[in-house]
Amino acid sequence: MSKKTEFLRQARLLTASQLAAKINQSRKTLLEQRQERVLGKLKNFRAIERVRKEIAQLHSILDEKVTANITEK
């Protein structure tokens, strides 16, 4: 399995609160990377794009879970 599919599979196993915590953690990482970029310390600029994509994927999975919970009730 590729890293991408493994990441998505693991994310789908998390609960909604765990997903929210992971999103917050990723946002902090993104903020730190942006600050490092401004200061000239960041060597891998692609890392910012990767974290942004990860946050978007986590949001999509969280939305799926919320929608599934609403339709069940």
Protein backbone atom coordinates (compact mmCIF):
# COMPACT_ATOMS: atom_id res chain seq x y z
CA MET A 1 0.00 0.00 0.00
CA SER A 2 1.20 3.47 -0.75
CA LYS A 3 1.69 6.07 1.95
CA LYS A 4 -1.33 8.01 0.70
CA THR A 5 -3.76 5.12 0.89
CA GLU A 6 -2.36 4.03 4.24
CA PHE A 7 -2.81 7.56 5.63
CA LEU A 8 -6.41 7.72 4.41
CA ARG A 9 -7.19 4.23 5.71
CA GLN A 10 -5.80 5.10 9.15
CA ALA A 11 -7.67 8.42 9.19
CA ARG A 12 -10.98 6.71 8.43
CA LEU A 13 -10.51 4.50 11.50
CA LEU A 14 -10.34 7.53 13.82
CA THR A 15 -13.32 8.96 15.66
CA ALA A 16 -14.62 12.45 14.93
CA SER A 17 -12.93 13.90 18.01
CA GLN A 18 -9.63 12.24 17.12
CA LEU A 19 -9.90 13.64 13.60
CA ALA A 20 -10.53 17.12 14.99
CA ALA A 21 -7.45 16.79 17.20
CA LYS A 22 -5.35 15.64 14.23
CA ILE A 23 -6.61 18.60 12.17
CA ASN A 24 -5.61 20.99 14.96
CA GLN A 25 -2.19 19.36 15.19
CA SER A 26 -1.73 19.67 11.43
CA ARG A 27 -2.76 23.33 11.53
CA LYS A 28 -0.10 24.00 14.17
CA THR A 29 2.45 22.23 12.00
CA LEU A 30 1.38 24.35 9.03
CA LEU A 31 1.74 27.54 11.06
CA GLU A 32 5.23 26.53 12.20
CA GLN A 33 6.27 25.72 8.64
CA ARG A 34 4.97 29.04 7.36
CA GLN A 35 6.93 30.86 10.05
CA GLU A 36 10.07 28.91 9.17
CA ARG A 37 9.58 29.81 5.50
CA VAL A 38 9.38 33.52 6.35
CA LEU A 39 12.49 33.26 8.51
CA GLY A 40 14.34 31.37 5.77
CA LYS A 41 14.79 28.19 7.83
CA LEU A 42 12.46 25.94 5.84
CA LYS A 43 14.36 23.82 3.33
CA ASN A 44 11.47 21.79 1.90
CA PHE A 45 8.80 24.19 0.65
CA ARG A 46 6.75 21.28 -0.64
CA ALA A 47 6.05 20.28 2.96
CA ILE A 48 3.62 23.19 3.28
CA GLU A 49 1.60 21.90 0.32
CA ARG A 50 1.60 18.39 1.78
CA VAL A 51 0.25 19.57 5.14
CA ARG A 52 -2.44 21.68 3.46
CA LYS A 53 -3.53 18.66 1.43
CA GLU A 54 -3.52 16.48 4.55
CA ILE A 55 -5.75 18.99 6.36
CA ALA A 56 -8.19 19.03 3.43
CA GLN A 57 -8.32 15.23 3.34
CA LEU A 58 -8.94 15.06 7.09
CA HIS A 59 -11.74 17.63 6.76
CA SER A 60 -13.34 15.52 4.02
CA ILE A 61 -13.23 12.40 6.16
CA LEU A 62 -14.64 14.32 9.14
CA ASP A 63 -17.49 15.61 6.96
CA GLU A 64 -18.21 12.04 5.83
CA LYS A 65 -18.46 10.89 9.44
CA VAL A 66 -20.70 13.80 10.47
CA THR A 67 -22.99 13.23 7.48
CA ALA A 68 -23.17 9.50 8.24
CA ASN A 69 -24.13 10.23 11.86
CA ILE A 70 -26.87 12.65 10.78
CA THR A 71 -28.40 10.22 8.29
CA GLU A 72 -28.38 7.40 10.87
CA LYS A 73 -30.46 9.40 13.32
